[in-house]
Amino acid sequence: MGTKYLIDTNVVIDFSQNRFSPTAANFVAKVLDNYPTISVITQIELLGFSLVSQQIIDFVDIAVILGMNNSIISKVIELRKLYKIKLPDAIIAATAWDNNLILLTRNTGDFKNIDRLRIENPHF
């Protein structure tokens, strides 16, 4: 699998709770096995619940976590000025954009107007 993805929080949660069809689950499993990459925002969201499953903790431990840098911060500012987007979503979008990754998310509506962003919904 040569395509690289930034995995949104909802995809990790949906996968851990078996909410995908078998075909979609196989696809997401390949993404997670190949190069599991998340934003620091996703790390915070996943681990910020009062009860976190060991499966989620183990996933975050092996994931590549992309933090903030000046380039991402500039893109977040640009996205917030151009679109009505929540700060966490802007950080996730800017992280995907800056790293030339496809954003894998169930919440495509949150990102659909950002023409610079490639998004894919694994719930096909």
N, C-alpha and C. Protein backbone atom coordinates (compact mmCIF):
# COMPACT_ATOMS: atom_id res chain seq x y z
N MET A 1 0.87 -1.18 0.00
CA MET A 1 0.00 0.00 0.00
C MET A 1 0.91 1.23 0.00
N GLY A 2 1.02 1.89 -1.15
CA GLY A 2 1.89 3.04 -1.28
C GLY A 2 1.26 4.34 -0.81
N THR A 3 -0.06 4.39 -0.75
CA THR A 3 -0.76 5.61 -0.34
C THR A 3 -0.62 5.78 1.17
N LYS A 4 -0.37 7.01 1.58
CA LYS A 4 -0.21 7.31 3.01
C LYS A 4 -1.40 8.13 3.49
N TYR A 5 -1.84 7.82 4.69
CA TYR A 5 -3.03 8.44 5.27
C TYR A 5 -2.73 9.06 6.63
N LEU A 6 -3.47 10.11 6.94
CA LEU A 6 -3.55 10.62 8.30
C LEU A 6 -4.89 10.11 8.83
N ILE A 7 -4.86 9.37 9.91
CA ILE A 7 -6.04 8.70 10.42
C ILE A 7 -6.72 9.59 11.45
N ASP A 8 -7.99 9.91 11.20
CA ASP A 8 -8.76 10.74 12.10
C ASP A 8 -9.23 9.92 13.30
N THR A 9 -9.54 10.60 14.37
CA THR A 9 -9.95 9.98 15.62
C THR A 9 -11.11 9.02 15.42
N ASN A 10 -12.11 9.44 14.66
CA ASN A 10 -13.31 8.62 14.50
C ASN A 10 -13.02 7.29 13.81
N VAL A 11 -12.02 7.24 12.96
CA VAL A 11 -11.66 5.99 12.28
C VAL A 11 -11.06 5.01 13.28
N VAL A 12 -10.21 5.50 14.14
CA VAL A 12 -9.59 4.63 15.16
C VAL A 12 -10.67 4.08 16.09
N ILE A 13 -11.57 4.94 16.53
CA ILE A 13 -12.65 4.50 17.43
C ILE A 13 -13.57 3.51 16.72
N ASP A 14 -13.97 3.83 15.50
CA ASP A 14 -14.85 2.93 14.75
C ASP A 14 -14.20 1.57 14.54
N PHE A 15 -12.92 1.57 14.24
CA PHE A 15 -12.21 0.30 14.03
C PHE A 15 -12.13 -0.50 15.32
N SER A 16 -11.83 0.17 16.42
CA SER A 16 -11.70 -0.54 17.70
C SER A 16 -13.04 -1.09 18.18
N GLN A 17 -14.14 -0.50 17.70
CA GLN A 17 -15.47 -0.94 18.10
C GLN A 17 -16.17 -1.75 17.00
N ASN A 18 -15.41 -2.20 16.02
CA ASN A 18 -15.92 -3.07 14.94
C ASN A 18 -17.13 -2.47 14.23
N ARG A 19 -17.06 -1.21 13.88
CA ARG A 19 -18.17 -0.53 13.21
C ARG A 19 -18.06 -0.51 11.69
N PHE A 20 -17.07 -1.18 11.15
CA PHE A 20 -16.88 -1.20 9.70
C PHE A 20 -17.44 -2.48 9.09
N SER A 21 -17.85 -2.37 7.83
CA SER A 21 -18.18 -3.57 7.07
C SER A 21 -16.90 -4.40 6.94
N PRO A 22 -17.02 -5.67 6.61
CA PRO A 22 -15.80 -6.48 6.45
C PRO A 22 -14.81 -5.91 5.43
N THR A 23 -15.32 -5.42 4.31
CA THR A 23 -14.44 -4.84 3.29
C THR A 23 -13.74 -3.60 3.81
N ALA A 24 -14.49 -2.72 4.45
CA ALA A 24 -13.90 -1.49 5.00
C ALA A 24 -12.94 -1.83 6.13
N ALA A 25 -13.27 -2.81 6.96
CA ALA A 25 -12.39 -3.21 8.07
C ALA A 25 -11.06 -3.72 7.54
N ASN A 26 -11.09 -4.47 6.46
CA ASN A 26 -9.84 -4.96 5.85
C ASN A 26 -9.00 -3.80 5.34
N PHE A 27 -9.65 -2.84 4.69
CA PHE A 27 -8.94 -1.67 4.18
C PHE A 27 -8.29 -0.89 5.33
N VAL A 28 -9.07 -0.60 6.37
CA VAL A 28 -8.54 0.17 7.51
C VAL A 28 -7.43 -0.61 8.21
N ALA A 29 -7.58 -1.91 8.34
CA ALA A 29 -6.53 -2.73 8.96
C ALA A 29 -5.21 -2.61 8.19
N LYS A 30 -5.31 -2.59 6.86
CA LYS A 30 -4.09 -2.42 6.05
C LYS A 30 -3.46 -1.05 6.28
N VAL A 31 -4.29 -0.01 6.38
CA VAL A 31 -3.77 1.33 6.65
C VAL A 31 -3.09 1.35 8.02
N LEU A 32 -3.75 0.77 9.01
CA LEU A 32 -3.19 0.77 10.37
C LEU A 32 -1.92 -0.06 10.46
N ASP A 33 -1.85 -1.15 9.71
CA ASP A 33 -0.66 -2.00 9.74
C ASP A 33 0.50 -1.40 8.95
N ASN A 34 0.19 -0.65 7.90
CA ASN A 34 1.21 -0.14 7.00
C ASN A 34 2.00 1.02 7.59
N TYR A 35 1.34 2.07 7.94
CA TYR A 35 2.02 3.28 8.43
C TYR A 35 1.01 4.08 9.25
N PRO A 36 0.71 3.63 10.45
CA PRO A 36 -0.33 4.30 11.25
C PRO A 36 0.11 5.70 11.68
N THR A 37 -0.50 6.69 11.08
CA THR A 37 -0.10 8.08 11.31
C THR A 37 -1.30 8.87 11.80
N ILE A 38 -1.09 9.61 12.90
CA ILE A 38 -2.15 10.44 13.47
C ILE A 38 -1.58 11.81 13.82
N SER A 39 -2.48 12.75 13.97
CA SER A 39 -2.13 14.09 14.44
C SER A 39 -2.02 14.07 15.96
N VAL A 40 -1.28 15.00 16.49
CA VAL A 40 -1.21 15.16 17.94
C VAL A 40 -2.61 15.41 18.51
N ILE A 41 -3.48 16.05 17.75
CA ILE A 41 -4.87 16.27 18.20
C ILE A 41 -5.59 14.93 18.37
N THR A 42 -5.39 14.02 17.44
CA THR A 42 -6.00 12.69 17.56
C THR A 42 -5.46 11.96 18.78
N GLN A 43 -4.17 12.09 19.02
CA GLN A 43 -3.59 11.48 20.21
C GLN A 43 -4.29 12.01 21.47
N ILE A 44 -4.45 13.31 21.54
CA ILE A 44 -5.11 13.93 22.69
C ILE A 44 -6.55 13.47 22.81
N GLU A 45 -7.26 13.46 21.67
CA GLU A 45 -8.66 13.04 21.69
C GLU A 45 -8.81 11.58 22.12
N LEU A 46 -7.96 10.71 21.60
CA LEU A 46 -8.06 9.29 21.93
C LEU A 46 -7.73 8.99 23.38
N LEU A 47 -6.71 9.65 23.90
CA LEU A 47 -6.26 9.35 25.26
C LEU A 47 -6.92 10.24 26.31
N GLY A 48 -7.72 11.20 25.87
CA GLY A 48 -8.33 12.15 26.79
C GLY A 48 -9.63 11.71 27.42
N PHE A 49 -10.11 10.52 27.07
CA PHE A 49 -11.32 9.99 27.69
C PHE A 49 -10.98 9.46 29.08
N SER A 50 -11.96 9.44 29.97
CA SER A 50 -11.70 8.93 31.32
C SER A 50 -11.43 7.42 31.30
N LEU A 51 -12.09 6.69 30.41
CA LEU A 51 -11.82 5.27 30.24
C LEU A 51 -11.30 5.04 28.83
N VAL A 52 -10.07 4.56 28.75
CA VAL A 52 -9.44 4.32 27.45
C VAL A 52 -9.08 2.85 27.39
N SER A 53 -9.50 2.19 26.31
CA SER A 53 -9.21 0.76 26.18
C SER A 53 -7.72 0.54 25.95
N GLN A 54 -7.26 -0.62 26.33
CA GLN A 54 -5.86 -0.98 26.12
C GLN A 54 -5.55 -1.02 24.63
N GLN A 55 -6.53 -1.39 23.82
CA GLN A 55 -6.34 -1.42 22.36
C GLN A 55 -6.01 -0.03 21.83
N ILE A 56 -6.70 0.99 22.32
CA ILE A 56 -6.43 2.37 21.90
C ILE A 56 -5.05 2.81 22.39
N ILE A 57 -4.73 2.51 23.63
CA ILE A 57 -3.42 2.87 24.18
C ILE A 57 -2.31 2.22 23.37
N ASP A 58 -2.48 0.94 23.06
CA ASP A 58 -1.47 0.23 22.27
C ASP A 58 -1.33 0.83 20.87
N PHE A 59 -2.46 1.20 20.27
CA PHE A 59 -2.41 1.82 18.95
C PHE A 59 -1.64 3.13 18.99
N VAL A 60 -1.94 3.99 19.95
CA VAL A 60 -1.26 5.29 20.04
C VAL A 60 0.24 5.08 20.28
N ASP A 61 0.59 4.06 21.05
CA ASP A 61 2.00 3.77 21.32
C ASP A 61 2.80 3.44 20.06
N ILE A 62 2.14 2.80 19.08
CA ILE A 62 2.88 2.43 17.86
C ILE A 62 2.69 3.43 16.72
N ALA A 63 1.72 4.31 16.85
CA ALA A 63 1.43 5.25 15.76
C ALA A 63 2.52 6.31 15.62
N VAL A 64 2.69 6.77 14.39
CA VAL A 64 3.52 7.94 14.13
C VAL A 64 2.64 9.14 14.46
N ILE A 65 3.09 9.98 15.37
CA ILE A 65 2.30 11.13 15.80
C ILE A 65 2.95 12.39 15.25
N LEU A 66 2.19 13.08 14.40
CA LEU A 66 2.70 14.30 13.78
C LEU A 66 2.30 15.50 14.64
N GLY A 67 3.30 16.18 15.14
CA GLY A 67 3.05 17.34 15.99
C GLY A 67 2.94 18.62 15.18
N MET A 68 2.91 19.70 15.89
CA MET A 68 2.79 21.03 15.28
C MET A 68 4.18 21.57 14.94
N ASN A 69 4.24 22.26 13.82
CA ASN A 69 5.44 23.01 13.45
C ASN A 69 4.97 24.31 12.82
N ASN A 70 5.90 25.19 12.47
CA ASN A 70 5.52 26.50 11.94
C ASN A 70 4.73 26.41 10.64
N SER A 71 5.07 25.44 9.80
CA SER A 71 4.35 25.28 8.54
C SER A 71 2.89 24.87 8.80
N ILE A 72 2.69 23.93 9.70
CA ILE A 72 1.33 23.50 10.04
C ILE A 72 0.56 24.65 10.69
N ILE A 73 1.21 25.37 11.59
CA ILE A 73 0.55 26.50 12.25
C ILE A 73 0.09 27.53 11.23
N SER A 74 0.93 27.83 10.25
CA SER A 74 0.54 28.78 9.20
C SER A 74 -0.66 28.28 8.41
N LYS A 75 -0.68 26.98 8.12
CA LYS A 75 -1.81 26.41 7.40
C LYS A 75 -3.08 26.41 8.25
N VAL A 76 -2.95 26.15 9.54
CA VAL A 76 -4.11 26.21 10.44
C VAL A 76 -4.70 27.61 10.41
N ILE A 77 -3.86 28.61 10.51
CA ILE A 77 -4.33 30.00 10.48
C ILE A 77 -5.05 30.29 9.16
N GLU A 78 -4.46 29.86 8.06
CA GLU A 78 -5.07 30.07 6.75
C GLU A 78 -6.43 29.37 6.66
N LEU A 79 -6.49 28.12 7.11
CA LEU A 79 -7.75 27.38 7.05
C LEU A 79 -8.83 28.02 7.93
N ARG A 80 -8.44 28.50 9.09
CA ARG A 80 -9.41 29.13 9.99
C ARG A 80 -9.94 30.44 9.40
N LYS A 81 -9.09 31.15 8.66
CA LYS A 81 -9.53 32.40 8.02
C LYS A 81 -10.45 32.13 6.83
N LEU A 82 -10.17 31.07 6.09
CA LEU A 82 -10.91 30.80 4.85
C LEU A 82 -12.20 30.00 5.06
N TYR A 83 -12.23 29.17 6.07
CA TYR A 83 -13.35 28.25 6.26
C TYR A 83 -13.86 28.33 7.69
N LYS A 84 -15.10 28.05 7.87
CA LYS A 84 -15.66 27.95 9.22
C LYS A 84 -15.36 26.54 9.71
N ILE A 85 -14.25 26.41 10.40
CA ILE A 85 -13.78 25.09 10.82
C ILE A 85 -13.28 25.19 12.26
N LYS A 86 -13.61 24.18 13.04
CA LYS A 86 -13.17 24.13 14.43
C LYS A 86 -11.65 23.98 14.49
N LEU A 87 -11.07 24.50 15.55
CA LEU A 87 -9.62 24.46 15.69
C LEU A 87 -9.05 23.04 15.60
N PRO A 88 -9.60 22.05 16.33
CA PRO A 88 -9.03 20.70 16.18
C PRO A 88 -9.09 20.18 14.75
N ASP A 89 -10.21 20.43 14.06
CA ASP A 89 -10.33 19.99 12.67
C ASP A 89 -9.34 20.74 11.78
N ALA A 90 -9.12 22.00 12.04
CA ALA A 90 -8.14 22.78 11.26
C ALA A 90 -6.73 22.23 11.46
N ILE A 91 -6.41 21.83 12.67
CA ILE A 91 -5.08 21.27 12.94
C ILE A 91 -4.93 19.93 12.22
N ILE A 92 -5.95 19.10 12.28
CA ILE A 92 -5.89 17.81 11.58
C ILE A 92 -5.78 18.02 10.08
N ALA A 93 -6.60 18.91 9.52
CA ALA A 93 -6.55 19.19 8.08
C ALA A 93 -5.20 19.74 7.67
N ALA A 94 -4.68 20.68 8.43
CA ALA A 94 -3.38 21.29 8.10
C ALA A 94 -2.26 20.26 8.20
N THR A 95 -2.36 19.35 9.15
CA THR A 95 -1.35 18.31 9.30
C THR A 95 -1.35 17.39 8.09
N ALA A 96 -2.54 16.98 7.64
CA ALA A 96 -2.63 16.14 6.44
C ALA A 96 -2.09 16.88 5.22
N TRP A 97 -2.53 18.12 5.06
CA TRP A 97 -2.12 18.94 3.92
C TRP A 97 -0.61 19.14 3.91
N ASP A 98 -0.05 19.51 5.04
CA ASP A 98 1.38 19.80 5.13
C ASP A 98 2.24 18.57 4.86
N ASN A 99 1.74 17.40 5.22
CA ASN A 99 2.51 16.17 5.05
C ASN A 99 2.10 15.37 3.81
N ASN A 100 1.27 15.99 2.96
CA ASN A 100 0.82 15.36 1.72
C ASN A 100 0.20 13.98 1.98
N LEU A 101 -0.68 13.94 2.98
CA LEU A 101 -1.37 12.72 3.35
C LEU A 101 -2.85 12.83 3.03
N ILE A 102 -3.48 11.72 2.75
CA ILE A 102 -4.93 11.68 2.58
C ILE A 102 -5.54 11.55 3.98
N LEU A 103 -6.51 12.39 4.28
CA LEU A 103 -7.17 12.32 5.57
C LEU A 103 -8.24 11.23 5.51
N LEU A 104 -8.08 10.23 6.35
CA LEU A 104 -9.03 9.14 6.44
C LEU A 104 -9.99 9.46 7.58
N THR A 105 -11.25 9.77 7.24
CA THR A 105 -12.22 10.22 8.23
C THR A 105 -13.63 9.84 7.85
N ARG A 106 -14.45 9.62 8.85
CA ARG A 106 -15.89 9.42 8.64
C ARG A 106 -16.56 10.79 8.47
N ASN A 107 -15.99 11.81 9.05
CA ASN A 107 -16.59 13.15 9.05
C ASN A 107 -16.15 13.97 7.85
N THR A 108 -16.44 13.46 6.66
CA THR A 108 -16.01 14.16 5.45
C THR A 108 -16.66 15.54 5.33
N GLY A 109 -17.85 15.70 5.88
CA GLY A 109 -18.54 16.99 5.81
C GLY A 109 -17.79 18.10 6.52
N ASP A 110 -17.00 17.76 7.53
CA ASP A 110 -16.23 18.76 8.26
C ASP A 110 -15.09 19.33 7.41
N PHE A 111 -14.70 18.59 6.37
CA PHE A 111 -13.51 18.95 5.60
C PHE A 111 -13.77 19.14 4.10
N LYS A 112 -15.01 18.90 3.65
CA LYS A 112 -15.29 18.82 2.22
C LYS A 112 -15.01 20.10 1.43
N ASN A 113 -15.07 21.24 2.07
CA ASN A 113 -14.86 22.50 1.35
C ASN A 113 -13.40 22.89 1.20
N ILE A 114 -12.51 22.17 1.82
CA ILE A 114 -11.09 22.49 1.76
C ILE A 114 -10.50 21.84 0.52
N ASP A 115 -10.36 22.63 -0.53
CA ASP A 115 -9.95 22.07 -1.83
C ASP A 115 -8.52 21.55 -1.84
N ARG A 116 -7.68 21.99 -0.94
CA ARG A 116 -6.29 21.53 -0.90
C ARG A 116 -6.14 20.19 -0.20
N LEU A 117 -7.21 19.72 0.42
CA LEU A 117 -7.16 18.54 1.25
C LEU A 117 -7.77 17.34 0.53
N ARG A 118 -7.05 16.25 0.54
CA ARG A 118 -7.58 15.00 0.00
C ARG A 118 -8.17 14.21 1.16
N ILE A 119 -9.43 13.83 1.02
CA ILE A 119 -10.10 13.08 2.09
C ILE A 119 -10.69 11.78 1.53
N GLU A 120 -10.81 10.81 2.40
CA GLU A 120 -11.42 9.55 2.03
C GLU A 120 -12.19 9.02 3.22
N ASN A 121 -13.39 8.56 2.96
CA ASN A 121 -14.25 7.98 4.00
C ASN A 121 -14.11 6.46 3.91
N PRO A 122 -13.63 5.82 4.98
CA PRO A 122 -13.45 4.37 4.93
C PRO A 122 -14.76 3.59 5.03
N HIS A 123 -15.84 4.26 5.35
CA HIS A 123 -17.16 3.61 5.43
C HIS A 123 -17.78 3.53 4.04
N PHE A 124 -17.20 2.69 3.18
CA PHE A 124 -17.72 2.58 1.82
C PHE A 124 -18.60 1.38 1.66
